[in-house]
Amino acid sequence: MAALAPFSISAQAPREPQTSYQASYKNGALQDTRPLGASGLALPRFVSIKSDAANVRRGPGPDFPLLWQYQRRNLPLEIIAEYNDWRQIRDHQGGEGWMKAPLLSGTRTVIVRRSAHAVTLRATPDATGGVVALVQPGVIGTLDMCKGDWCEIEVDSYDGWLPRDQIWGVYPFEFKK
């Protein structure tokens, strides 16, 4: 069994962002009814950081003040608005700002939510599934799929399942049939 730790954890206590999404039932199935942005893609939606360093600005343009810089490739972000080639983003701690679209990737990643202890990456989508690894809060994994209340992720070379409520970067209606 391996214990996986994050590259870094923010010194400030994260707050849970208010993630908004829209879905409705149609013919007994949950349907995505999110509006489309100027890019033709749904808003809001999850993406990840493509580069090792990505600036966040107060507004959509290079003349707006720099708020901070992410230095963590693959960090999941939520796009909540679009303006030309700028995207308004929200992170897992609730921080918001604007980034240039080319700094973002459609690759789906998730981050393990803040908790007092490591969470168990399981071999199957079940609380009794075998233990693959212990994953620390703040660890980023690649999202493969979700089944019900469990999501399959890959962390380093480990592939397994985490409860959906222990990760940030996937909406409750996604992957539901």
Protein backbone atom coordinates (compact mmCIF):
# COMPACT_ATOMS: atom_id res chain seq x y z
CA MET A 1 0.00 0.00 0.00
CA ALA A 2 1.37 3.42 -0.90
CA ALA A 3 0.75 6.76 0.74
CA LEU A 4 0.49 9.60 -1.74
CA ALA A 5 1.08 13.18 -0.66
CA PRO A 6 0.47 16.48 -2.48
CA PHE A 7 3.27 18.54 -3.94
CA SER A 8 2.22 21.48 -1.79
CA ILE A 9 -0.68 22.56 0.37
CA SER A 10 -1.76 26.15 0.74
CA ALA A 11 -1.04 27.72 4.13
CA GLN A 12 -4.44 29.35 4.26
CA ALA A 13 -7.47 27.33 5.21
CA PRO A 14 -9.58 26.56 2.16
CA ARG A 15 -13.23 27.39 2.05
CA GLU A 16 -15.68 25.31 0.11
CA PRO A 17 -16.72 27.12 -3.07
CA GLN A 18 -20.37 27.29 -3.95
CA THR A 19 -20.36 25.22 -7.11
CA SER A 20 -23.31 26.01 -9.31
CA TYR A 21 -24.59 23.75 -12.04
CA GLN A 22 -27.83 23.12 -13.77
CA ALA A 23 -29.45 19.81 -14.50
CA SER A 24 -32.99 18.64 -14.88
CA TYR A 25 -34.85 15.42 -15.42
CA LYS A 26 -36.22 14.69 -18.87
CA ASN A 27 -37.94 11.41 -19.63
CA GLY A 28 -36.69 10.06 -16.29
CA ALA A 29 -33.00 10.81 -17.01
CA LEU A 30 -30.84 13.58 -15.61
CA GLN A 31 -30.06 16.07 -18.42
CA ASP A 32 -27.32 18.70 -18.52
CA THR A 33 -29.05 22.04 -19.09
CA ARG A 34 -26.09 24.36 -18.52
CA PRO A 35 -25.94 27.36 -20.87
CA LEU A 36 -23.24 27.51 -23.53
CA GLY A 37 -20.48 30.10 -23.38
CA ALA A 38 -19.01 31.99 -26.34
CA SER A 39 -16.68 29.02 -26.92
CA GLY A 40 -19.70 26.77 -27.50
CA LEU A 41 -18.90 24.79 -24.36
CA ALA A 42 -21.10 24.51 -21.26
CA LEU A 43 -20.79 26.96 -18.37
CA PRO A 44 -19.76 26.23 -15.74
CA ARG A 45 -17.36 23.37 -16.53
CA PHE A 46 -14.21 21.85 -15.10
CA VAL A 47 -10.79 22.08 -16.74
CA SER A 48 -7.18 21.86 -15.54
CA ILE A 49 -4.07 24.00 -15.75
CA LYS A 50 -1.95 23.09 -18.78
CA SER A 51 1.31 24.81 -17.81
CA ASP A 52 3.65 24.84 -14.82
CA ALA A 53 2.87 28.50 -14.13
CA ALA A 54 -0.39 30.33 -14.83
CA ASN A 55 -1.21 33.93 -13.94
CA VAL A 56 -4.59 34.90 -12.53
CA ARG A 57 -5.79 38.47 -13.12
CA ARG A 58 -8.55 40.61 -11.65
CA GLY A 59 -10.25 40.99 -15.04
CA PRO A 60 -10.18 39.61 -18.59
CA GLY A 61 -7.10 41.26 -20.05
CA PRO A 62 -3.36 41.80 -19.57
CA ASP A 63 -3.91 45.33 -18.22
CA PHE A 64 -5.81 44.05 -15.18
CA PRO A 65 -3.78 43.58 -11.99
CA LEU A 66 -2.13 40.23 -11.38
CA LEU A 67 -3.78 38.56 -8.37
CA TRP A 68 -1.60 35.44 -8.04
CA GLN A 69 0.16 32.75 -10.01
CA TYR A 70 -0.65 29.05 -9.88
CA GLN A 71 2.47 26.90 -9.97
CA ARG A 72 0.82 23.53 -10.18
CA ARG A 73 0.24 21.80 -13.51
CA ASN A 74 -3.03 19.80 -13.70
CA LEU A 75 -4.74 21.70 -10.86
CA PRO A 76 -8.49 21.42 -11.50
CA LEU A 77 -10.36 24.68 -12.02
CA GLU A 78 -13.96 25.55 -12.75
CA ILE A 79 -14.68 27.94 -15.64
CA ILE A 80 -17.61 30.12 -14.63
CA ALA A 81 -17.55 32.77 -17.40
CA GLU A 82 -15.89 33.56 -20.74
CA TYR A 83 -14.83 36.80 -22.41
CA ASN A 84 -13.04 36.48 -25.77
CA ASP A 85 -9.99 34.30 -25.05
CA TRP A 86 -10.17 34.82 -21.28
CA ARG A 87 -11.81 32.48 -18.79
CA GLN A 88 -13.11 33.40 -15.35
CA ILE A 89 -12.07 30.56 -13.08
CA ARG A 90 -12.77 29.32 -9.56
CA ASP A 91 -10.44 26.99 -7.66
CA HIS A 92 -11.16 24.37 -5.00
CA GLN A 93 -10.62 26.96 -2.25
CA GLY A 94 -13.14 29.38 -3.75
CA GLY A 95 -10.57 31.80 -5.22
CA GLU A 96 -11.73 33.50 -8.43
CA GLY A 97 -9.98 35.39 -11.20
CA TRP A 98 -9.33 35.45 -14.95
CA MET A 99 -6.87 33.38 -17.00
CA LYS A 100 -5.95 33.21 -20.69
CA ALA A 101 -7.70 30.24 -22.30
CA PRO A 102 -4.48 28.71 -23.77
CA LEU A 103 -3.23 28.09 -20.21
CA LEU A 104 -6.12 25.67 -19.63
CA SER A 105 -6.67 22.10 -20.76
CA GLY A 106 -9.83 20.05 -21.19
CA THR A 107 -8.09 17.20 -19.34
CA ARG A 108 -10.23 16.35 -16.33
CA THR A 109 -8.47 16.23 -13.01
CA VAL A 110 -9.71 16.24 -9.42
CA ILE A 111 -8.20 17.23 -6.10
CA VAL A 112 -8.73 15.38 -2.85
CA ARG A 113 -10.76 17.59 -0.51
CA ARG A 114 -9.36 18.91 2.74
CA SER A 115 -9.80 16.46 5.60
CA ALA A 116 -8.07 15.50 8.83
CA HIS A 117 -6.66 12.30 7.37
CA ALA A 118 -5.74 10.47 4.19
CA VAL A 119 -8.52 8.89 2.14
CA THR A 120 -8.44 5.33 0.87
CA LEU A 121 -8.09 4.75 -2.86
CA ARG A 122 -10.05 1.52 -3.42
CA ALA A 123 -9.73 -1.21 -6.05
CA THR A 124 -13.50 -1.23 -6.66
CA PRO A 125 -16.24 1.42 -6.31
CA ASP A 126 -17.26 0.15 -2.90
CA ALA A 127 -16.32 0.91 0.72
CA THR A 128 -15.22 -2.71 1.11
CA GLY A 129 -13.01 -2.70 -2.01
CA GLY A 130 -9.35 -3.56 -1.55
CA VAL A 131 -6.96 -0.77 -0.57
CA VAL A 132 -4.79 0.51 -3.43
CA ALA A 133 -3.24 3.52 -1.69
CA LEU A 134 -3.79 6.17 0.96
CA VAL A 135 -4.20 9.58 -0.66
CA GLN A 136 -3.53 12.78 1.26
CA PRO A 137 -5.74 15.89 0.98
CA GLY A 138 -4.47 18.15 -1.81
CA VAL A 139 -3.34 15.31 -4.08
CA ILE A 140 -4.35 15.72 -7.74
CA GLY A 141 -5.50 12.79 -9.84
CA THR A 142 -6.75 12.31 -13.39
CA LEU A 143 -10.48 11.63 -13.55
CA ASP A 144 -11.38 8.52 -15.56
CA MET A 145 -15.09 8.03 -14.83
CA CYS A 146 -17.69 7.91 -12.08
CA LYS A 147 -20.22 5.25 -11.14
CA GLY A 148 -22.86 6.43 -8.72
CA ASP A 149 -21.15 7.94 -5.69
CA TRP A 150 -17.65 6.75 -6.66
CA CYS A 151 -15.11 8.13 -9.15
CA GLU A 152 -12.22 6.30 -10.71
CA ILE A 153 -9.01 8.32 -10.70
CA GLU A 154 -5.36 7.79 -11.47
CA VAL A 155 -2.76 9.19 -9.08
CA ASP A 156 0.85 8.67 -10.14
CA SER A 157 0.79 5.04 -11.26
CA TYR A 158 -2.10 4.06 -8.97
CA ASP A 159 -5.58 3.56 -10.36
CA GLY A 160 -8.55 3.27 -8.03
CA TRP A 161 -11.84 4.62 -6.73
CA LEU A 162 -12.65 7.44 -4.30
CA PRO A 163 -16.05 8.53 -3.02
CA ARG A 164 -17.33 11.46 -5.09
CA ASP A 165 -17.78 13.60 -1.96
CA GLN A 166 -14.05 13.34 -1.15
CA ILE A 167 -12.90 15.01 -4.37
CA TRP A 168 -13.44 18.38 -6.06
CA GLY A 169 -13.61 18.65 -9.84
CA VAL A 170 -16.71 16.72 -10.89
CA TYR A 171 -20.37 17.72 -10.81
CA PRO A 172 -22.99 15.51 -9.14
CA PHE A 173 -24.87 15.05 -12.44
CA GLU A 174 -21.83 14.03 -14.50
CA PHE A 175 -21.44 10.38 -15.47
CA LYS A 176 -24.98 9.59 -14.33
CA LYS A 177 -27.24 7.68 -16.67
